[in-house]
N, C-alpha and C. Protein backbone atom coordinates (compact mmCIF):
# COMPACT_ATOMS: atom_id res chain seq x y z
N UNK A 1 75.76 127.87 56.78
CA UNK A 1 77.18 127.91 56.47
C UNK A 1 77.92 128.57 57.64
N UNK A 2 79.09 128.02 58.01
CA UNK A 2 79.87 128.60 59.10
C UNK A 2 80.42 129.95 58.68
N UNK A 3 80.74 130.79 59.69
CA UNK A 3 81.26 132.13 59.40
C UNK A 3 82.69 132.08 58.88
N UNK A 4 83.47 131.08 59.28
CA UNK A 4 84.83 130.89 58.77
C UNK A 4 84.83 129.67 57.87
N UNK A 5 85.24 129.90 56.64
CA UNK A 5 85.15 128.85 55.62
C UNK A 5 86.52 128.58 55.02
N UNK A 6 86.94 127.30 54.90
CA UNK A 6 88.17 127.01 54.15
C UNK A 6 88.01 127.48 52.72
N UNK A 7 89.04 128.09 52.17
CA UNK A 7 88.99 128.63 50.81
C UNK A 7 89.99 127.89 49.94
N UNK A 8 89.50 127.35 48.82
CA UNK A 8 90.36 126.68 47.85
C UNK A 8 90.41 127.56 46.60
N UNK A 9 91.49 128.31 46.41
CA UNK A 9 91.57 129.21 45.26
C UNK A 9 92.18 128.52 44.04
N UNK A 10 91.54 128.71 42.90
CA UNK A 10 92.05 128.17 41.65
C UNK A 10 91.98 129.24 40.57
N UNK A 11 92.83 129.15 39.54
CA UNK A 11 92.85 130.19 38.51
C UNK A 11 91.82 130.01 37.41
N UNK A 12 91.15 128.87 37.36
CA UNK A 12 90.30 128.59 36.20
C UNK A 12 89.01 127.87 36.55
N UNK A 13 88.60 127.88 37.81
CA UNK A 13 87.41 127.15 38.23
C UNK A 13 86.48 128.08 39.00
N UNK A 14 85.22 128.11 38.58
CA UNK A 14 84.17 128.84 39.29
C UNK A 14 83.05 127.85 39.58
N UNK A 15 82.64 127.78 40.83
CA UNK A 15 81.58 126.85 41.25
C UNK A 15 80.26 127.60 41.35
N UNK A 16 79.17 126.94 40.94
CA UNK A 16 77.84 127.51 41.02
C UNK A 16 76.96 126.64 41.91
N UNK A 17 75.92 127.24 42.52
CA UNK A 17 75.05 126.46 43.41
C UNK A 17 74.43 125.25 42.73
N UNK A 18 74.44 124.14 43.46
CA UNK A 18 73.80 122.88 43.07
C UNK A 18 74.41 122.24 41.82
N UNK A 19 75.66 122.60 41.52
CA UNK A 19 76.39 121.98 40.42
C UNK A 19 77.55 121.18 41.01
N UNK A 20 77.86 120.04 40.40
CA UNK A 20 78.90 119.16 40.92
C UNK A 20 80.25 119.49 40.29
N UNK A 21 81.29 119.42 41.10
CA UNK A 21 82.65 119.75 40.67
C UNK A 21 83.62 118.70 41.16
N UNK A 22 84.25 117.93 40.26
CA UNK A 22 85.30 116.99 40.69
C UNK A 22 86.62 117.74 40.89
N UNK A 23 87.35 117.35 41.93
CA UNK A 23 88.62 118.00 42.24
C UNK A 23 89.66 116.94 42.60
N UNK A 24 90.90 117.24 42.25
CA UNK A 24 92.03 116.41 42.66
C UNK A 24 92.91 117.29 43.55
N UNK A 25 93.11 116.90 44.78
CA UNK A 25 93.83 117.70 45.77
C UNK A 25 95.19 117.06 46.02
N UNK A 26 96.26 117.80 45.72
CA UNK A 26 97.59 117.22 45.88
C UNK A 26 98.54 118.07 46.72
N UNK A 27 98.32 119.37 46.82
CA UNK A 27 99.21 120.20 47.64
C UNK A 27 99.03 119.86 49.12
N UNK A 28 100.14 119.77 49.87
CA UNK A 28 100.02 119.41 51.29
C UNK A 28 99.08 120.31 52.08
N UNK A 29 99.10 121.63 51.84
CA UNK A 29 98.23 122.52 52.63
C UNK A 29 96.76 122.26 52.34
N UNK A 30 96.45 121.89 51.10
CA UNK A 30 95.05 121.65 50.77
C UNK A 30 94.63 120.22 51.09
N UNK A 31 95.60 119.31 51.18
CA UNK A 31 95.27 117.99 51.74
C UNK A 31 94.82 118.16 53.19
N UNK A 32 95.54 119.02 53.92
CA UNK A 32 95.16 119.29 55.31
C UNK A 32 93.77 119.93 55.37
N UNK A 33 93.51 120.83 54.44
CA UNK A 33 92.20 121.48 54.37
C UNK A 33 91.08 120.44 54.22
N UNK A 34 91.28 119.50 53.28
CA UNK A 34 90.26 118.47 53.04
C UNK A 34 90.10 117.58 54.27
N UNK A 35 91.22 117.19 54.87
CA UNK A 35 91.13 116.33 56.06
C UNK A 35 90.35 117.03 57.17
N UNK A 36 90.62 118.33 57.37
CA UNK A 36 89.90 119.07 58.40
C UNK A 36 88.41 119.20 58.05
N UNK A 37 88.13 119.44 56.77
CA UNK A 37 86.73 119.57 56.36
C UNK A 37 85.97 118.26 56.56
N UNK A 38 86.62 117.14 56.25
CA UNK A 38 85.96 115.85 56.41
C UNK A 38 85.67 115.54 57.87
N UNK A 39 86.44 116.11 58.77
CA UNK A 39 86.22 115.88 60.20
C UNK A 39 85.19 116.83 60.78
N UNK A 40 84.77 117.84 60.00
CA UNK A 40 83.80 118.79 60.52
C UNK A 40 82.54 118.80 59.64
N UNK A 41 82.29 119.90 58.92
CA UNK A 41 81.03 120.02 58.19
C UNK A 41 81.14 119.72 56.70
N UNK A 42 82.34 119.34 56.23
CA UNK A 42 82.59 118.99 54.83
C UNK A 42 82.45 120.17 53.88
N UNK A 43 82.51 121.38 54.38
CA UNK A 43 82.32 122.55 53.53
C UNK A 43 83.65 123.14 53.10
N UNK A 44 83.71 123.54 51.82
CA UNK A 44 84.88 124.21 51.24
C UNK A 44 84.36 125.33 50.35
N UNK A 45 85.02 126.46 50.39
CA UNK A 45 84.64 127.57 49.53
C UNK A 45 85.58 127.66 48.33
N UNK A 46 85.01 127.75 47.14
CA UNK A 46 85.81 127.93 45.93
C UNK A 46 85.87 129.41 45.59
N UNK A 47 87.09 129.89 45.29
CA UNK A 47 87.28 131.29 44.93
C UNK A 47 88.23 131.36 43.74
N UNK A 48 87.97 132.29 42.84
CA UNK A 48 88.79 132.43 41.64
C UNK A 48 89.95 133.38 41.91
N UNK A 49 91.15 132.94 41.54
CA UNK A 49 92.34 133.79 41.70
C UNK A 49 92.29 134.95 40.71
N UNK A 50 92.70 136.12 41.17
CA UNK A 50 92.77 137.28 40.28
C UNK A 50 93.98 137.14 39.35
N UNK A 51 93.92 137.74 38.16
CA UNK A 51 95.07 137.70 37.25
C UNK A 51 96.34 138.21 37.94
N UNK A 52 97.47 137.60 37.58
CA UNK A 52 98.75 137.97 38.19
C UNK A 52 99.08 137.15 39.43
N UNK A 53 98.36 136.06 39.63
CA UNK A 53 98.54 135.23 40.82
C UNK A 53 99.82 134.41 40.80
N UNK A 54 100.39 134.18 39.62
CA UNK A 54 101.46 133.18 39.46
C UNK A 54 102.66 133.40 40.40
N UNK A 55 103.23 134.61 40.50
CA UNK A 55 104.42 134.75 41.35
C UNK A 55 104.15 134.50 42.83
N UNK A 56 102.91 134.63 43.25
CA UNK A 56 102.58 134.52 44.67
C UNK A 56 101.83 133.25 45.02
N UNK A 57 101.77 132.29 44.10
CA UNK A 57 100.86 131.18 44.32
C UNK A 57 101.14 130.43 45.61
N UNK A 58 102.41 130.29 45.98
CA UNK A 58 102.74 129.55 47.20
C UNK A 58 102.30 130.31 48.45
N UNK A 59 102.01 131.59 48.30
CA UNK A 59 101.54 132.37 49.43
C UNK A 59 100.03 132.51 49.40
N UNK A 60 99.56 133.75 49.41
CA UNK A 60 98.12 134.01 49.44
C UNK A 60 97.78 135.09 48.42
N UNK A 61 97.89 134.77 47.13
CA UNK A 61 97.56 135.77 46.11
C UNK A 61 96.09 136.17 46.17
N UNK A 62 95.80 137.33 45.60
CA UNK A 62 94.45 137.89 45.69
C UNK A 62 93.44 137.02 44.96
N UNK A 63 92.27 136.95 45.55
CA UNK A 63 91.14 136.24 44.93
C UNK A 63 89.98 137.22 44.78
N UNK A 64 89.04 136.88 43.91
CA UNK A 64 87.81 137.66 43.82
C UNK A 64 87.00 137.43 45.09
N UNK A 65 86.36 138.47 45.60
CA UNK A 65 85.70 138.35 46.90
C UNK A 65 84.45 137.48 46.91
N UNK A 66 83.83 137.27 45.76
CA UNK A 66 82.61 136.47 45.72
C UNK A 66 82.92 135.08 45.19
N UNK A 67 82.56 134.08 45.98
CA UNK A 67 82.77 132.69 45.58
C UNK A 67 81.53 131.88 45.89
N UNK A 68 81.70 130.57 45.87
CA UNK A 68 80.57 129.67 46.15
C UNK A 68 81.06 128.53 47.04
N UNK A 69 80.30 128.27 48.08
CA UNK A 69 80.64 127.16 48.96
C UNK A 69 80.19 125.85 48.34
N UNK A 70 80.82 124.77 48.76
CA UNK A 70 80.43 123.45 48.31
C UNK A 70 80.58 122.45 49.42
N UNK A 71 79.78 121.40 49.38
CA UNK A 71 79.88 120.32 50.36
C UNK A 71 80.49 119.11 49.67
N UNK A 72 81.40 118.45 50.36
CA UNK A 72 82.03 117.24 49.83
C UNK A 72 81.00 116.10 49.87
N UNK A 73 80.60 115.66 48.70
CA UNK A 73 79.61 114.57 48.63
C UNK A 73 80.26 113.21 48.47
N UNK A 74 81.43 113.16 47.83
CA UNK A 74 82.19 111.92 47.64
C UNK A 74 83.67 112.23 47.78
N UNK A 75 84.42 111.29 48.33
CA UNK A 75 85.87 111.49 48.39
C UNK A 75 86.58 110.14 48.37
N UNK A 76 87.81 110.20 47.90
CA UNK A 76 88.71 109.04 47.91
C UNK A 76 90.08 109.53 48.34
N UNK A 77 90.59 108.96 49.42
CA UNK A 77 91.93 109.32 49.87
C UNK A 77 92.91 108.30 49.29
N UNK A 78 93.86 108.79 48.49
CA UNK A 78 94.83 107.91 47.86
C UNK A 78 95.94 107.55 48.83
N UNK A 79 96.69 106.53 48.49
CA UNK A 79 97.70 106.01 49.42
C UNK A 79 98.80 107.02 49.71
N UNK A 80 99.04 107.95 48.79
CA UNK A 80 100.09 108.94 49.03
C UNK A 80 99.57 110.22 49.68
N UNK A 81 98.31 110.20 50.11
CA UNK A 81 97.75 111.35 50.82
C UNK A 81 96.95 112.31 49.96
N UNK A 82 97.00 112.14 48.64
CA UNK A 82 96.18 112.99 47.78
C UNK A 82 94.71 112.58 47.90
N UNK A 83 93.84 113.48 47.43
CA UNK A 83 92.41 113.21 47.47
C UNK A 83 91.78 113.42 46.10
N UNK A 84 90.85 112.55 45.77
CA UNK A 84 89.88 112.82 44.71
C UNK A 84 88.55 113.07 45.41
N UNK A 85 87.89 114.14 45.05
CA UNK A 85 86.62 114.41 45.71
C UNK A 85 85.65 115.10 44.76
N UNK A 86 84.41 115.14 45.17
CA UNK A 86 83.36 115.83 44.42
C UNK A 86 82.68 116.80 45.35
N UNK A 87 82.59 118.05 44.91
CA UNK A 87 81.86 119.08 45.64
C UNK A 87 80.52 119.31 44.97
N UNK A 88 79.50 119.58 45.77
CA UNK A 88 78.24 120.07 45.24
C UNK A 88 78.06 121.50 45.71
N UNK A 89 77.91 122.41 44.77
CA UNK A 89 77.78 123.81 45.12
C UNK A 89 76.57 124.06 46.02
N UNK A 90 76.76 124.95 46.99
CA UNK A 90 75.67 125.26 47.92
C UNK A 90 75.16 126.69 47.74
N UNK A 91 75.97 127.69 48.13
CA UNK A 91 75.49 129.06 48.04
C UNK A 91 76.66 130.02 47.85
N UNK A 92 76.34 131.17 47.30
CA UNK A 92 77.35 132.19 47.08
C UNK A 92 77.72 132.86 48.40
N UNK A 93 78.93 133.36 48.45
CA UNK A 93 79.39 134.07 49.64
C UNK A 93 80.29 135.23 49.24
N UNK A 94 80.48 136.14 50.18
CA UNK A 94 81.43 137.24 50.01
C UNK A 94 82.49 137.13 51.10
N UNK A 95 83.75 137.24 50.71
CA UNK A 95 84.85 137.21 51.68
C UNK A 95 84.93 138.57 52.37
N UNK A 96 84.89 138.55 53.69
CA UNK A 96 85.03 139.77 54.48
C UNK A 96 86.49 140.01 54.84
N UNK A 97 87.13 138.98 55.34
CA UNK A 97 88.57 139.04 55.65
C UNK A 97 89.11 137.63 55.74
N UNK A 98 90.42 137.51 55.57
CA UNK A 98 91.04 136.18 55.66
C UNK A 98 91.57 135.91 57.05
N UNK A 99 91.52 134.63 57.40
CA UNK A 99 92.04 134.14 58.67
C UNK A 99 93.35 133.41 58.37
N UNK A 100 94.39 133.67 59.15
CA UNK A 100 95.72 133.12 58.83
C UNK A 100 96.20 132.10 59.86
N UNK A 101 95.28 131.46 60.57
CA UNK A 101 95.67 130.53 61.63
C UNK A 101 96.06 129.15 61.13
N UNK A 102 95.78 128.84 59.86
CA UNK A 102 96.08 127.51 59.32
C UNK A 102 97.01 127.64 58.12
N UNK A 103 97.68 126.57 57.73
CA UNK A 103 98.53 126.62 56.54
C UNK A 103 97.73 126.91 55.27
N UNK A 104 96.50 126.42 55.22
CA UNK A 104 95.65 126.69 54.07
C UNK A 104 94.84 127.96 54.32
N UNK A 105 94.17 128.42 53.29
CA UNK A 105 93.45 129.67 53.39
C UNK A 105 92.06 129.46 53.99
N UNK A 106 91.70 130.36 54.88
CA UNK A 106 90.35 130.40 55.42
C UNK A 106 89.88 131.85 55.41
N UNK A 107 88.59 132.03 55.40
CA UNK A 107 88.07 133.40 55.34
C UNK A 107 86.81 133.53 56.18
N UNK A 108 86.68 134.71 56.75
CA UNK A 108 85.41 135.11 57.36
C UNK A 108 84.51 135.54 56.20
N UNK A 109 83.34 134.94 56.12
CA UNK A 109 82.48 135.19 54.96
C UNK A 109 81.08 135.59 55.41
N UNK A 110 80.35 136.18 54.47
CA UNK A 110 78.91 136.38 54.66
C UNK A 110 78.19 135.69 53.52
N UNK A 111 77.11 135.00 53.82
CA UNK A 111 76.33 134.33 52.79
C UNK A 111 75.57 135.35 51.96
N UNK A 112 75.52 135.10 50.67
CA UNK A 112 74.78 135.97 49.76
C UNK A 112 73.52 135.24 49.33
N UNK A 113 72.56 135.20 50.22
CA UNK A 113 71.32 134.50 49.95
C UNK A 113 70.49 135.31 48.96
N UNK A 114 69.93 134.62 48.00
CA UNK A 114 69.09 135.28 47.00
C UNK A 114 67.62 135.14 47.40
N UNK A 115 66.92 136.24 47.33
CA UNK A 115 65.51 136.22 47.69
C UNK A 115 64.69 135.38 46.73
N UNK A 116 63.49 135.06 47.13
CA UNK A 116 62.61 134.28 46.27
C UNK A 116 62.24 135.04 45.00
N UNK A 117 61.99 134.30 43.96
CA UNK A 117 61.65 134.91 42.68
C UNK A 117 60.19 135.36 42.68
N UNK A 118 59.94 136.55 42.15
CA UNK A 118 58.58 137.01 41.94
C UNK A 118 58.00 136.30 40.71
N UNK A 119 56.72 136.47 40.50
CA UNK A 119 56.09 135.87 39.31
C UNK A 119 56.73 136.43 38.05
N UNK A 120 57.02 137.74 38.04
CA UNK A 120 57.68 138.35 36.88
C UNK A 120 59.07 137.76 36.66
N UNK A 121 59.80 137.56 37.77
CA UNK A 121 61.14 136.98 37.67
C UNK A 121 61.07 135.57 37.09
N UNK A 122 60.14 134.77 37.57
CA UNK A 122 60.03 133.40 37.09
C UNK A 122 59.70 133.36 35.60
N UNK A 123 58.82 134.26 35.18
CA UNK A 123 58.48 134.32 33.76
C UNK A 123 59.68 134.74 32.94
N UNK A 124 60.46 135.70 33.46
CA UNK A 124 61.65 136.16 32.73
C UNK A 124 62.70 135.06 32.64
N UNK A 125 62.90 134.33 33.73
CA UNK A 125 63.87 133.23 33.72
C UNK A 125 63.42 132.14 32.76
N UNK A 126 62.13 131.85 32.75
CA UNK A 126 61.61 130.84 31.82
C UNK A 126 61.84 131.27 30.38
N UNK A 127 61.66 132.55 30.10
CA UNK A 127 61.90 133.08 28.76
C UNK A 127 63.37 132.95 28.38
N UNK A 128 64.27 133.24 29.33
CA UNK A 128 65.70 133.09 29.06
C UNK A 128 66.07 131.63 28.86
N UNK A 129 65.41 130.74 29.58
CA UNK A 129 65.67 129.31 29.40
C UNK A 129 65.35 128.88 27.97
N UNK A 130 64.22 129.34 27.47
CA UNK A 130 63.84 129.00 26.09
C UNK A 130 64.91 129.51 25.12
N UNK A 131 65.41 130.72 25.35
CA UNK A 131 66.47 131.26 24.49
C UNK A 131 67.73 130.42 24.58
N UNK A 132 68.09 130.00 25.80
CA UNK A 132 69.29 129.18 25.97
C UNK A 132 69.14 127.85 25.23
N UNK A 133 67.99 127.22 25.38
CA UNK A 133 67.78 125.93 24.72
C UNK A 133 67.84 126.09 23.20
N UNK A 134 67.32 127.19 22.69
CA UNK A 134 67.37 127.44 21.25
C UNK A 134 68.80 127.69 20.79
N UNK A 135 69.55 128.50 21.54
CA UNK A 135 70.93 128.80 21.17
C UNK A 135 71.80 127.55 21.17
N UNK A 136 71.53 126.66 22.10
CA UNK A 136 72.40 125.49 22.27
C UNK A 136 71.90 124.25 21.54
N UNK A 137 70.72 124.34 20.93
CA UNK A 137 70.15 123.17 20.26
C UNK A 137 71.08 122.57 19.20
N UNK A 138 71.72 123.38 18.33
CA UNK A 138 72.62 122.78 17.34
C UNK A 138 73.78 122.01 17.98
N UNK A 139 74.35 122.55 19.05
CA UNK A 139 75.47 121.86 19.71
C UNK A 139 75.00 120.58 20.37
N UNK A 140 73.81 120.61 20.96
CA UNK A 140 73.26 119.40 21.60
C UNK A 140 73.03 118.31 20.55
N UNK A 141 72.51 118.73 19.41
CA UNK A 141 72.25 117.76 18.33
C UNK A 141 73.54 117.16 17.81
N UNK A 142 74.57 118.00 17.63
CA UNK A 142 75.86 117.49 17.13
C UNK A 142 76.49 116.53 18.12
N UNK A 143 76.32 116.80 19.39
CA UNK A 143 76.98 115.97 20.41
C UNK A 143 76.26 114.63 20.62
N UNK A 144 75.02 114.56 20.16
CA UNK A 144 74.26 113.34 20.38
C UNK A 144 73.70 113.22 21.78
N UNK A 145 73.78 114.31 22.56
CA UNK A 145 73.25 114.27 23.92
C UNK A 145 71.74 114.17 23.90
N UNK A 146 71.20 113.61 24.95
CA UNK A 146 69.75 113.46 25.06
C UNK A 146 69.15 114.78 25.55
N UNK A 147 68.37 115.47 24.74
CA UNK A 147 67.81 116.76 25.17
C UNK A 147 66.86 116.64 26.35
N UNK A 148 66.38 115.43 26.62
CA UNK A 148 65.47 115.25 27.76
C UNK A 148 66.19 115.45 29.09
N UNK A 149 67.52 115.28 29.08
CA UNK A 149 68.28 115.49 30.32
C UNK A 149 68.14 116.92 30.79
N UNK A 150 68.37 117.87 29.87
CA UNK A 150 68.24 119.29 30.23
C UNK A 150 66.79 119.65 30.52
N UNK A 151 65.86 119.05 29.77
CA UNK A 151 64.45 119.37 29.95
C UNK A 151 63.96 119.00 31.35
N UNK A 152 64.59 118.00 31.95
CA UNK A 152 64.17 117.55 33.27
C UNK A 152 64.70 118.42 34.40
N UNK A 153 65.63 119.32 34.09
CA UNK A 153 66.24 120.16 35.11
C UNK A 153 65.39 121.39 35.39
N UNK A 154 65.44 121.87 36.63
CA UNK A 154 64.75 123.12 36.96
C UNK A 154 65.45 124.27 36.23
N UNK A 155 64.75 125.41 36.14
CA UNK A 155 65.35 126.58 35.49
C UNK A 155 66.65 126.96 36.18
N UNK A 156 66.64 127.01 37.50
CA UNK A 156 67.83 127.41 38.25
C UNK A 156 68.99 126.46 38.01
N UNK A 157 68.72 125.16 38.10
CA UNK A 157 69.79 124.18 37.93
C UNK A 157 70.36 124.23 36.51
N UNK A 158 69.50 124.44 35.52
CA UNK A 158 69.98 124.49 34.15
C UNK A 158 70.87 125.70 33.93
N UNK A 159 70.45 126.87 34.40
CA UNK A 159 71.26 128.08 34.24
C UNK A 159 72.61 127.91 34.90
N UNK A 160 72.61 127.38 36.12
CA UNK A 160 73.87 127.23 36.84
C UNK A 160 74.76 126.15 36.22
N UNK A 161 74.18 125.07 35.75
CA UNK A 161 74.97 124.02 35.11
C UNK A 161 75.61 124.53 33.83
N UNK A 162 74.85 125.28 33.03
CA UNK A 162 75.42 125.84 31.80
C UNK A 162 76.51 126.84 32.12
N UNK A 163 76.29 127.67 33.13
CA UNK A 163 77.29 128.66 33.50
C UNK A 163 78.60 127.99 33.90
N UNK A 164 78.51 126.84 34.56
CA UNK A 164 79.73 126.17 35.00
C UNK A 164 80.36 125.30 33.92
N UNK A 165 79.55 124.58 33.15
CA UNK A 165 80.10 123.57 32.25
C UNK A 165 80.38 124.06 30.84
N UNK A 166 79.76 125.15 30.40
CA UNK A 166 80.05 125.65 29.06
C UNK A 166 81.49 126.14 28.98
N UNK A 167 82.03 126.14 27.78
CA UNK A 167 83.42 126.55 27.56
C UNK A 167 83.52 128.07 27.55
N UNK A 168 83.43 128.65 28.74
CA UNK A 168 83.52 130.09 28.92
C UNK A 168 84.83 130.43 29.61
N UNK A 169 85.26 131.66 29.46
CA UNK A 169 86.47 132.11 30.16
C UNK A 169 86.18 132.17 31.66
N UNK A 170 87.19 131.91 32.51
CA UNK A 170 86.96 131.99 33.95
C UNK A 170 86.39 133.33 34.40
N UNK A 171 86.86 134.43 33.82
CA UNK A 171 86.35 135.74 34.22
C UNK A 171 84.89 135.92 33.79
N UNK A 172 84.50 135.29 32.70
CA UNK A 172 83.10 135.35 32.28
C UNK A 172 82.23 134.58 33.27
N UNK A 173 82.72 133.44 33.73
CA UNK A 173 81.98 132.67 34.72
C UNK A 173 81.90 133.44 36.04
N UNK A 174 83.00 134.08 36.41
CA UNK A 174 82.99 134.86 37.64
C UNK A 174 81.97 135.99 37.57
N UNK A 175 81.90 136.64 36.42
CA UNK A 175 80.92 137.72 36.25
C UNK A 175 79.49 137.18 36.39
N UNK A 176 79.24 135.98 35.89
CA UNK A 176 77.92 135.38 36.03
C UNK A 176 77.62 135.07 37.50
N UNK A 177 78.62 134.52 38.20
CA UNK A 177 78.43 134.20 39.61
C UNK A 177 78.11 135.46 40.42
N UNK A 178 78.71 136.58 40.04
CA UNK A 178 78.54 137.81 40.80
C UNK A 178 77.19 138.48 40.57
N UNK A 179 76.44 138.06 39.55
CA UNK A 179 75.10 138.62 39.37
C UNK A 179 74.25 138.29 40.60
N UNK A 180 73.49 139.27 41.07
CA UNK A 180 72.83 139.11 42.37
C UNK A 180 71.46 138.44 42.32
N UNK A 181 71.09 137.88 41.17
CA UNK A 181 69.83 137.16 41.11
C UNK A 181 69.88 136.15 39.97
N UNK A 182 69.04 135.13 40.07
CA UNK A 182 68.98 134.14 39.00
C UNK A 182 68.53 134.78 37.70
N UNK A 183 67.62 135.73 37.79
CA UNK A 183 67.14 136.41 36.58
C UNK A 183 68.28 137.11 35.86
N UNK A 184 69.08 137.88 36.59
CA UNK A 184 70.19 138.58 35.96
C UNK A 184 71.24 137.60 35.45
N UNK A 185 71.44 136.49 36.16
CA UNK A 185 72.42 135.49 35.73
C UNK A 185 71.97 134.86 34.42
N UNK A 186 70.69 134.54 34.32
CA UNK A 186 70.16 133.95 33.09
C UNK A 186 70.24 134.93 31.93
N UNK A 187 69.86 136.17 32.18
CA UNK A 187 69.92 137.18 31.12
C UNK A 187 71.35 137.41 30.65
N UNK A 188 72.28 137.47 31.59
CA UNK A 188 73.69 137.70 31.24
C UNK A 188 74.26 136.52 30.47
N UNK A 189 73.85 135.30 30.83
CA UNK A 189 74.33 134.13 30.12
C UNK A 189 73.84 134.12 28.68
N UNK A 190 72.58 134.48 28.48
CA UNK A 190 72.04 134.57 27.12
C UNK A 190 72.80 135.62 26.32
N UNK A 191 73.02 136.80 26.91
CA UNK A 191 73.74 137.87 26.21
C UNK A 191 75.16 137.41 25.83
N UNK A 192 75.80 136.71 26.73
CA UNK A 192 77.16 136.24 26.49
C UNK A 192 77.20 135.23 25.34
N UNK A 193 76.27 134.28 25.35
CA UNK A 193 76.25 133.27 24.29
C UNK A 193 75.87 133.89 22.94
N UNK A 194 74.93 134.82 22.95
CA UNK A 194 74.56 135.50 21.70
C UNK A 194 75.77 136.23 21.12
N UNK A 195 76.55 136.88 21.97
CA UNK A 195 77.74 137.59 21.50
C UNK A 195 78.76 136.63 20.92
N UNK A 196 78.97 135.50 21.59
CA UNK A 196 79.95 134.53 21.12
C UNK A 196 79.52 133.92 19.78
N UNK A 197 78.23 133.65 19.64
CA UNK A 197 77.74 133.09 18.38
C UNK A 197 77.87 134.11 17.26
N UNK A 198 77.58 135.38 17.55
CA UNK A 198 77.72 136.43 16.54
C UNK A 198 79.17 136.56 16.09
N UNK A 199 80.09 136.52 17.04
CA UNK A 199 81.51 136.61 16.71
C UNK A 199 81.94 135.43 15.86
N UNK A 200 81.47 134.22 16.24
CA UNK A 200 81.86 133.02 15.50
C UNK A 200 81.34 133.04 14.07
N UNK A 201 80.20 133.70 13.84
CA UNK A 201 79.59 133.72 12.51
C UNK A 201 80.07 134.87 11.66
N UNK A 202 80.84 135.80 12.22
CA UNK A 202 81.27 136.99 11.49
C UNK A 202 82.75 136.88 11.17
N UNK A 203 83.12 136.61 9.91
CA UNK A 203 84.53 136.46 9.54
C UNK A 203 85.32 137.71 9.92
N UNK A 204 86.45 137.49 10.57
CA UNK A 204 87.34 138.58 10.89
C UNK A 204 86.99 139.31 12.17
N UNK A 205 85.75 139.15 12.68
CA UNK A 205 85.37 139.89 13.87
C UNK A 205 86.11 139.38 15.11
N UNK A 206 86.36 138.09 15.16
CA UNK A 206 87.06 137.54 16.32
C UNK A 206 88.46 138.13 16.42
N UNK A 207 89.11 138.39 15.30
CA UNK A 207 90.44 138.99 15.36
C UNK A 207 90.37 140.42 15.87
N UNK A 208 89.31 141.14 15.51
CA UNK A 208 89.15 142.52 15.98
C UNK A 208 88.92 142.53 17.48
N UNK A 209 88.05 141.61 17.96
CA UNK A 209 87.71 141.55 19.37
C UNK A 209 88.93 141.20 20.20
N UNK A 210 89.74 140.27 19.69
CA UNK A 210 90.92 139.85 20.46
C UNK A 210 92.12 140.73 20.17
């Protein structure tokens, strides 16, 4: 990953490694960002906007420092200059400082590479996967989805896909992304889902929590 990365900040999207994200790009500054990325390494960094971004959106409102880079795997340039594209998440990064040389946002970043899993880590992640599959089995059955699709995914890909695609709050997804290992991410995801299921099953508790 390059040291300076184009940053696309959004208020409700968190990207995870090896997960696909469709995007529609319409703002002129971000159209320029996509055009520049397509002419170079096709890399874009996704970062979540901090709460209170609305008054400053046209400028450079604060973002959370940890995001995830993605590579443009597919794109369509529309006749009016907008883009439809698909990103595939690559790796987590930390923003060190922003670069202001372009109309769109760019940042000096450091990659947050995760070390290899130990045997204990792999066993723990596998255990969390079993818990996730059990927790989500009723929803999978109701939806009519083929459970073999998830079964064919690696532990890492399944954890990251669930973290991105489940109906979680953006800040909850950001907290998962910020966990410094797959093991902690899997454990945190299980804890989060268990809490949500408990709240949903307890009359009146959701009102207390909110």
